Amino acid sequence: MNADNELLINLDKLHTTELGVERIKRNLSLDTDDVVDWCKSKINSDNAVITRNGKNWYVNVDNYILTVNAYSYTIITAHKEKK
């Protein structure tokens, strides 16, 4: 099983911490309170490129990079892609 399939299969386990919510909202200038749902929709989109490097998955989608722990499915951080 490749990494992107594993992440997509376990999308329902995706979560983050209270600090993670604040960090992601600040980094991405999001106007939503449901950061986890926003991230799930981005990860599940057709143009998401999912790679695994060590203990983390990196999801590159719509000029954002989301970092997800591969073991706990915790969204660690997200930031805008530097151009």
C-alpha atoms as a PDB file:
ATOM      1  CA  MET A   1       0.000   0.000   0.000  1.00  0.00           C
ATOM      2  CA  ASN A   2       1.461   3.367  -0.894  1.00  0.00           C
ATOM      3  CA  ALA A   3       1.491   6.318   1.485  1.00  0.00           C
ATOM      4  CA  ASP A   4      -1.177   8.456  -0.158  1.00  0.00           C
ATOM      5  CA  ASN A   5      -3.669   5.569  -0.166  1.00  0.00           C
ATOM      6  CA  GLU A   6      -2.945   4.896   3.507  1.00  0.00           C
ATOM      7  CA  LEU A   7      -3.594   8.530   4.425  1.00  0.00           C
ATOM      8  CA  LEU A   8      -6.795   8.664   2.366  1.00  0.00           C
ATOM      9  CA  ILE A   9      -8.084   5.408   3.872  1.00  0.00           C
ATOM     10  CA  ASN A  10      -7.551   6.780   7.386  1.00  0.00           C
ATOM     11  CA  LEU A  11      -8.866  10.284   6.713  1.00  0.00           C
ATOM     12  CA  ASP A  12     -11.522   9.845   9.420  1.00  0.00           C
ATOM     13  CA  LYS A  13      -8.716   9.609  12.024  1.00  0.00           C
ATOM     14  CA  LEU A  14      -7.349  13.040  11.088  1.00  0.00           C
ATOM     15  CA  HIS A  15      -7.241  15.517  13.977  1.00  0.00           C
ATOM     16  CA  THR A  16      -5.151  18.320  15.457  1.00  0.00           C
ATOM     17  CA  THR A  17      -4.557  20.030  18.781  1.00  0.00           C
ATOM     18  CA  GLU A  18      -6.010  23.344  19.952  1.00  0.00           C
ATOM     19  CA  LEU A  19      -2.652  24.978  19.280  1.00  0.00           C
ATOM     20  CA  GLY A  20      -2.593  23.290  15.881  1.00  0.00           C
ATOM     21  CA  VAL A  21      -5.951  24.857  14.993  1.00  0.00           C
ATOM     22  CA  GLU A  22      -4.647  28.320  15.857  1.00  0.00           C
ATOM     23  CA  ARG A  23      -1.346  27.781  14.033  1.00  0.00           C
ATOM     24  CA  ILE A  24      -3.024  26.513  10.853  1.00  0.00           C
ATOM     25  CA  LYS A  25      -5.621  29.310  10.851  1.00  0.00           C
ATOM     26  CA  ARG A  26      -2.857  31.907  11.298  1.00  0.00           C
ATOM     27  CA  ASN A  27      -0.468  30.402   8.729  1.00  0.00           C
ATOM     28  CA  LEU A  28      -3.124  30.014   6.032  1.00  0.00           C
ATOM     29  CA  SER A  29      -5.272  33.055   6.935  1.00  0.00           C
ATOM     30  CA  LEU A  30      -8.303  30.777   7.211  1.00  0.00           C
ATOM     31  CA  ASP A  31     -11.702  32.106   8.196  1.00  0.00           C
ATOM     32  CA  THR A  32     -13.125  28.766   9.321  1.00  0.00           C
ATOM     33  CA  ASP A  33     -13.369  27.198  12.759  1.00  0.00           C
ATOM     34  CA  ASP A  34     -13.398  23.651  11.395  1.00  0.00           C
ATOM     35  CA  VAL A  35      -9.753  23.439  10.357  1.00  0.00           C
ATOM     36  CA  VAL A  36      -9.721  19.627  10.376  1.00  0.00           C
ATOM     37  CA  ASP A  37     -12.640  19.445   7.941  1.00  0.00           C
ATOM     38  CA  TRP A  38     -10.967  22.051   5.712  1.00  0.00           C
ATOM     39  CA  CYS A  39      -7.759  19.988   5.694  1.00  0.00           C
ATOM     40  CA  LYS A  40      -9.663  16.760   4.971  1.00  0.00           C
ATOM     41  CA  SER A  41     -11.286  18.316   1.918  1.00  0.00           C
ATOM     42  CA  LYS A  42      -7.900  19.550   0.650  1.00  0.00           C
ATOM     43  CA  ILE A  43      -6.242  16.154   1.210  1.00  0.00           C
ATOM     44  CA  ASN A  44      -9.128  14.403  -0.539  1.00  0.00           C
ATOM     45  CA  SER A  45      -9.093  16.694  -3.588  1.00  0.00           C
ATOM     46  CA  ASP A  46      -8.025  15.298  -6.956  1.00  0.00           C
ATOM     47  CA  ASN A  47      -5.045  17.638  -7.329  1.00  0.00           C
ATOM     48  CA  ALA A  48      -3.461  16.805  -3.940  1.00  0.00           C
ATOM     49  CA  VAL A  49       0.070  15.400  -4.152  1.00  0.00           C
ATOM     50  CA  ILE A  50       0.747  13.242  -1.090  1.00  0.00           C
ATOM     51  CA  THR A  51       4.258  12.126  -0.189  1.00  0.00           C
ATOM     52  CA  ARG A  52       5.701  10.488   2.876  1.00  0.00           C
ATOM     53  CA  ASN A  53       9.072  11.405   4.294  1.00  0.00           C
ATOM     54  CA  GLY A  54       9.984   9.603   7.508  1.00  0.00           C
ATOM     55  CA  LYS A  55       7.277   9.970  10.143  1.00  0.00           C
ATOM     56  CA  ASN A  56       5.258  12.599   8.259  1.00  0.00           C
ATOM     57  CA  TRP A  57       3.054  12.918   5.224  1.00  0.00           C
ATOM     58  CA  TYR A  58       3.282  16.095   3.207  1.00  0.00           C
ATOM     59  CA  VAL A  59       0.254  17.122   1.193  1.00  0.00           C
ATOM     60  CA  ASN A  60       0.903  19.695  -1.507  1.00  0.00           C
ATOM     61  CA  VAL A  61      -2.382  21.125  -2.789  1.00  0.00           C
ATOM     62  CA  ASP A  62      -3.609  24.517  -4.060  1.00  0.00           C
ATOM     63  CA  ASN A  63      -0.334  26.245  -3.076  1.00  0.00           C
ATOM     64  CA  TYR A  64      -0.550  24.910   0.485  1.00  0.00           C
ATOM     65  CA  ILE A  65       1.630  22.331   2.203  1.00  0.00           C
ATOM     66  CA  LEU A  66       0.003  20.341   5.013  1.00  0.00           C
ATOM     67  CA  THR A  67       2.136  18.249   7.375  1.00  0.00           C
ATOM     68  CA  VAL A  68       0.465  15.209   8.963  1.00  0.00           C
ATOM     69  CA  ASN A  69       2.043  12.749  11.413  1.00  0.00           C
ATOM     70  CA  ALA A  70       1.946   9.312   9.769  1.00  0.00           C
ATOM     71  CA  TYR A  71       1.321   7.393  12.992  1.00  0.00           C
ATOM     72  CA  SER A  72      -1.169   9.507  14.943  1.00  0.00           C
ATOM     73  CA  TYR A  73      -2.859  11.261  11.972  1.00  0.00           C
ATOM     74  CA  THR A  74      -2.305  14.596  13.722  1.00  0.00           C
ATOM     75  CA  ILE A  75      -2.166  17.637  11.466  1.00  0.00           C
ATOM     76  CA  ILE A  76       1.061  19.189  12.703  1.00  0.00           C
ATOM     77  CA  THR A  77       1.138  22.365  10.652  1.00  0.00           C
ATOM     78  CA  ALA A  78       0.246  23.899   7.327  1.00  0.00           C
ATOM     79  CA  HIS A  79       1.717  26.766   5.403  1.00  0.00           C
ATOM     80  CA  LYS A  80       1.492  28.518   2.079  1.00  0.00           C
ATOM     81  CA  GLU A  81       3.906  27.263  -0.531  1.00  0.00           C
ATOM     82  CA  LYS A  82       6.795  29.634  -1.117  1.00  0.00           C
ATOM     83  CA  LYS A  83       7.132  30.646  -4.748  1.00  0.00           C
END
